[in-house]
Structures are given as structure tokens and as C-alpha cells.
Amino acid sequence: MSSTVTSSTRRFSDHFEPQDIDPQEQRRLRGHLEQIDYTAFLSNREIMAQTLGRLDAGHFQKLAVTTAQARAKWAAVALAIGQSGRAPDAAEVEKLAALRLAYDELSAAYEALRRMVERGYVAYGPAASS
């Protein structure tokens, strides 16, 4: 089983890879699997393009700023709790968890959007002139 590490997430590939079949059968199976992968690629490209349109550096820059703001707010609240010199109460922990979740979700969205561009699901380039 192979694994891939992306930022702080590890994903495992659970694709079955038969070892004991003849070469002709292996080629046929690989052909079917390539068809499946290509169908998934076309589906992703069509849906992502319809939903997201064309992305440009401005989209990523705004997302990066928003993500940095969420991270900074989370860190600032954590530092403030730490400076209090006492254990945080339930409300403080809940607020801190919500801020971390916001940062984590924005980070995950960035990674997903980057992968969409990398895989060709979404067009990327200069913004279209009006």
C-alpha cells in the first residue's frame, strides 16, 4: 500500500494491484482502470469548470490573505489564553477550536484548489479582459 503526504494529511492508496495474473490480462485490466480514471478526470474538469470558472493569481492571493488572517486570529487568541495564567474555560476552548477549524478549512480549500489547477480540472491564467 502506498501513501501520499500532503501538508499535514496522509492519504493511503488502496488500489488493488494483482500480482498473479498473466501479462495480457494485466494490460486489459490497466486499460479498464485508465478508462475509469479518465472518466473521473473528465467529470471533475467539467463540474469544476462550471462551478469555479477560470482562476487567476488574484483568487489565490485573496484566499491566502483570508487564510493568514484566520491563522493569525487563532494564534492571537491562543496566546491571550496562555497569558491569562489560568486554565481556559469551556467557552474559550470552544472559541479557539472554532478558529482553528476555520483556519484548517481554509488551508484545505487552498490545497484542493491548487490540486484542481495542477490536474487541469480548472483553467488558470490571467483574468479575462472585459
C-alpha atoms as a PDB file:
ATOM      1  CA  MET A   1       0.000   0.000   0.000  1.00  0.00           C
ATOM      2  CA  SER A   2       1.476   3.361  -0.967  1.00  0.00           C
ATOM      3  CA  SER A   3       0.914   6.597   0.890  1.00  0.00           C
ATOM      4  CA  THR A   4       0.987  10.253  -0.048  1.00  0.00           C
ATOM      5  CA  VAL A   5       1.681  13.098   2.339  1.00  0.00           C
ATOM      6  CA  THR A   6       0.073  16.461   1.543  1.00  0.00           C
ATOM      7  CA  SER A   7       0.657  19.221   4.067  1.00  0.00           C
ATOM      8  CA  SER A   8      -0.468  17.610   7.312  1.00  0.00           C
ATOM      9  CA  THR A   9      -2.620  14.873   5.787  1.00  0.00           C
ATOM     10  CA  ARG A  10      -1.528  11.356   4.854  1.00  0.00           C
ATOM     11  CA  ARG A  11      -3.655   9.531   2.316  1.00  0.00           C
ATOM     12  CA  PHE A  12      -3.276   5.852   1.565  1.00  0.00           C
ATOM     13  CA  SER A  13      -3.825   4.346  -1.846  1.00  0.00           C
ATOM     14  CA  ASP A  14      -5.886   1.215  -1.510  1.00  0.00           C
ATOM     15  CA  HIS A  15      -5.905   0.317  -5.195  1.00  0.00           C
ATOM     16  CA  PHE A  16      -5.724  -3.427  -5.670  1.00  0.00           C
ATOM     17  CA  GLU A  17      -2.675  -4.427  -7.665  1.00  0.00           C
ATOM     18  CA  PRO A  18      -2.918  -8.073  -8.731  1.00  0.00           C
ATOM     19  CA  GLN A  19       0.382  -9.928  -8.888  1.00  0.00           C
ATOM     20  CA  ASP A  20      -0.616 -13.381 -10.099  1.00  0.00           C
ATOM     21  CA  ILE A  21      -2.372 -12.732 -13.426  1.00  0.00           C
ATOM     22  CA  ASP A  22      -0.929 -13.162 -16.897  1.00  0.00           C
ATOM     23  CA  PRO A  23       0.554 -10.128 -18.705  1.00  0.00           C
ATOM     24  CA  GLN A  24      -2.261  -9.918 -21.273  1.00  0.00           C
ATOM     25  CA  GLU A  25      -4.881  -9.837 -18.510  1.00  0.00           C
ATOM     26  CA  GLN A  26      -2.838  -7.196 -16.625  1.00  0.00           C
ATOM     27  CA  ARG A  27      -2.756  -4.968 -19.758  1.00  0.00           C
ATOM     28  CA  ARG A  28      -6.506  -5.379 -20.231  1.00  0.00           C
ATOM     29  CA  LEU A  29      -7.144  -4.524 -16.581  1.00  0.00           C
ATOM     30  CA  ARG A  30      -4.840  -1.478 -16.764  1.00  0.00           C
ATOM     31  CA  GLY A  31      -6.760  -0.318 -19.826  1.00  0.00           C
ATOM     32  CA  HIS A  32     -10.049  -0.525 -17.926  1.00  0.00           C
ATOM     33  CA  LEU A  33      -8.588   1.306 -14.955  1.00  0.00           C
ATOM     34  CA  GLU A  34      -7.226   4.048 -17.220  1.00  0.00           C
ATOM     35  CA  GLN A  35     -10.725   4.429 -18.703  1.00  0.00           C
ATOM     36  CA  ILE A  36     -12.149   4.792 -15.197  1.00  0.00           C
ATOM     37  CA  ASP A  37      -9.509   7.378 -14.259  1.00  0.00           C
ATOM     38  CA  TYR A  38     -10.087   9.318 -17.482  1.00  0.00           C
ATOM     39  CA  THR A  39     -13.844   9.350 -16.881  1.00  0.00           C
ATOM     40  CA  ALA A  40     -13.231  10.745 -13.379  1.00  0.00           C
ATOM     41  CA  PHE A  41     -10.868  13.368 -14.856  1.00  0.00           C
ATOM     42  CA  LEU A  42     -13.436  14.500 -17.442  1.00  0.00           C
ATOM     43  CA  SER A  43     -16.181  14.640 -14.821  1.00  0.00           C
ATOM     44  CA  ASN A  44     -14.034  16.683 -12.440  1.00  0.00           C
ATOM     45  CA  ARG A  45     -12.923  19.041 -15.204  1.00  0.00           C
ATOM     46  CA  GLU A  46     -16.481  19.636 -16.401  1.00  0.00           C
ATOM     47  CA  ILE A  47     -18.024  20.179 -12.947  1.00  0.00           C
ATOM     48  CA  MET A  48     -15.144  22.269 -11.545  1.00  0.00           C
ATOM     49  CA  ALA A  49     -15.038  24.480 -14.638  1.00  0.00           C
ATOM     50  CA  GLN A  50     -18.798  25.095 -14.457  1.00  0.00           C
ATOM     51  CA  THR A  51     -18.730  25.794 -10.727  1.00  0.00           C
ATOM     52  CA  LEU A  52     -15.489  27.738 -10.326  1.00  0.00           C
ATOM     53  CA  GLY A  53     -14.814  29.234 -13.740  1.00  0.00           C
ATOM     54  CA  ARG A  54     -11.311  30.437 -14.545  1.00  0.00           C
ATOM     55  CA  LEU A  55      -8.963  31.054 -11.625  1.00  0.00           C
ATOM     56  CA  ASP A  56      -6.142  33.568 -11.552  1.00  0.00           C
ATOM     57  CA  ALA A  57      -3.463  34.730  -9.139  1.00  0.00           C
ATOM     58  CA  GLY A  58      -5.914  37.198  -7.591  1.00  0.00           C
ATOM     59  CA  HIS A  59      -8.168  34.371  -6.426  1.00  0.00           C
ATOM     60  CA  PHE A  60      -5.269  32.631  -4.715  1.00  0.00           C
ATOM     61  CA  GLN A  61      -3.921  35.859  -3.254  1.00  0.00           C
ATOM     62  CA  LYS A  62      -7.264  36.717  -1.640  1.00  0.00           C
ATOM     63  CA  LEU A  63      -7.613  33.192  -0.295  1.00  0.00           C
ATOM     64  CA  ALA A  64      -4.051  33.361   1.064  1.00  0.00           C
ATOM     65  CA  VAL A  65      -4.790  36.636   2.874  1.00  0.00           C
ATOM     66  CA  THR A  66      -8.026  35.275   4.332  1.00  0.00           C
ATOM     67  CA  THR A  67      -6.233  32.105   5.462  1.00  0.00           C
ATOM     68  CA  ALA A  68      -3.397  34.113   7.020  1.00  0.00           C
ATOM     69  CA  GLN A  69      -5.913  36.278   8.869  1.00  0.00           C
ATOM     70  CA  ALA A  70      -7.686  33.192  10.212  1.00  0.00           C
ATOM     71  CA  ARG A  71      -4.376  31.695  11.324  1.00  0.00           C
ATOM     72  CA  ALA A  72      -3.281  34.919  12.999  1.00  0.00           C
ATOM     73  CA  LYS A  73      -6.594  35.284  14.838  1.00  0.00           C
ATOM     74  CA  TRP A  74      -6.367  31.684  16.066  1.00  0.00           C
ATOM     75  CA  ALA A  75      -2.788  32.207  17.243  1.00  0.00           C
ATOM     76  CA  ALA A  76      -3.612  35.548  18.904  1.00  0.00           C
ATOM     77  CA  VAL A  77      -6.489  34.029  20.864  1.00  0.00           C
ATOM     78  CA  ALA A  78      -4.292  31.086  21.894  1.00  0.00           C
ATOM     79  CA  LEU A  79      -1.595  33.480  23.112  1.00  0.00           C
ATOM     80  CA  ALA A  80      -4.149  35.552  25.020  1.00  0.00           C
ATOM     81  CA  ILE A  81      -5.466  32.439  26.741  1.00  0.00           C
ATOM     82  CA  GLY A  82      -1.907  31.420  27.572  1.00  0.00           C
ATOM     83  CA  GLN A  83      -1.109  34.839  29.014  1.00  0.00           C
ATOM     84  CA  SER A  84      -4.050  34.654  31.402  1.00  0.00           C
ATOM     85  CA  GLY A  85      -2.101  32.325  33.677  1.00  0.00           C
ATOM     86  CA  ARG A  86      -5.074  30.023  34.234  1.00  0.00           C
ATOM     87  CA  ALA A  87      -6.655  27.064  32.544  1.00  0.00           C
ATOM     88  CA  PRO A  88      -9.052  28.125  29.771  1.00  0.00           C
ATOM     89  CA  ASP A  89     -12.745  27.809  30.427  1.00  0.00           C
ATOM     90  CA  ALA A  90     -15.060  25.846  28.144  1.00  0.00           C
ATOM     91  CA  ALA A  91     -16.134  28.924  26.159  1.00  0.00           C
ATOM     92  CA  GLU A  92     -12.506  29.881  25.452  1.00  0.00           C
ATOM     93  CA  VAL A  93     -11.674  26.368  24.306  1.00  0.00           C
ATOM     94  CA  GLU A  94     -14.757  26.312  22.088  1.00  0.00           C
ATOM     95  CA  LYS A  95     -13.814  29.646  20.510  1.00  0.00           C
ATOM     96  CA  LEU A  96     -10.222  28.501  19.981  1.00  0.00           C
ATOM     97  CA  ALA A  97     -11.421  25.260  18.376  1.00  0.00           C
ATOM     98  CA  ALA A  98     -13.754  27.175  16.045  1.00  0.00           C
ATOM     99  CA  LEU A  99     -10.912  29.478  14.992  1.00  0.00           C
ATOM    100  CA  ARG A 100      -8.623  26.511  14.341  1.00  0.00           C
ATOM    101  CA  LEU A 101     -11.349  24.812  12.321  1.00  0.00           C
ATOM    102  CA  ALA A 102     -11.768  27.944  10.187  1.00  0.00           C
ATOM    103  CA  TYR A 103      -8.020  28.080   9.536  1.00  0.00           C
ATOM    104  CA  ASP A 104      -7.840  24.328   8.802  1.00  0.00           C
ATOM    105  CA  GLU A 105     -10.762  24.507   6.368  1.00  0.00           C
ATOM    106  CA  LEU A 106      -9.289  27.482   4.510  1.00  0.00           C
ATOM    107  CA  SER A 107      -5.922  25.695   4.288  1.00  0.00           C
ATOM    108  CA  ALA A 108      -7.601  22.561   2.961  1.00  0.00           C
ATOM    109  CA  ALA A 109      -9.510  24.610   0.386  1.00  0.00           C
ATOM    110  CA  TYR A 110      -6.248  26.166  -0.828  1.00  0.00           C
ATOM    111  CA  GLU A 111      -4.662  22.708  -1.203  1.00  0.00           C
ATOM    112  CA  ALA A 112      -7.724  21.401  -3.042  1.00  0.00           C
ATOM    113  CA  LEU A 113      -7.835  24.368  -5.419  1.00  0.00           C
ATOM    114  CA  ARG A 114      -4.116  24.044  -6.111  1.00  0.00           C
ATOM    115  CA  ARG A 115      -4.613  20.337  -6.937  1.00  0.00           C
ATOM    116  CA  MET A 116      -7.525  21.224  -9.230  1.00  0.00           C
ATOM    117  CA  VAL A 117      -5.274  23.586 -11.193  1.00  0.00           C
ATOM    118  CA  GLU A 118      -2.394  21.083 -11.183  1.00  0.00           C
ATOM    119  CA  ARG A 119      -4.612  18.292 -12.527  1.00  0.00           C
ATOM    120  CA  GLY A 120      -6.194  20.508 -15.182  1.00  0.00           C
ATOM    121  CA  TYR A 121      -9.694  20.475 -13.688  1.00  0.00           C
ATOM    122  CA  VAL A 122      -9.821  24.279 -13.600  1.00  0.00           C
ATOM    123  CA  ALA A 123      -8.414  26.762 -16.083  1.00  0.00           C
ATOM    124  CA  TYR A 124      -5.753  29.056 -14.616  1.00  0.00           C
ATOM    125  CA  GLY A 125      -4.233  32.183 -16.051  1.00  0.00           C
ATOM    126  CA  PRO A 126      -4.659  35.911 -16.386  1.00  0.00           C
ATOM    127  CA  ALA A 127      -8.142  37.236 -15.754  1.00  0.00           C
ATOM    128  CA  ALA A 128     -10.158  37.629 -18.931  1.00  0.00           C
ATOM    129  CA  SER A 129     -10.429  41.251 -20.124  1.00  0.00           C
ATOM    130  CA  SER A 130     -13.908  42.698 -20.365  1.00  0.00           C
END
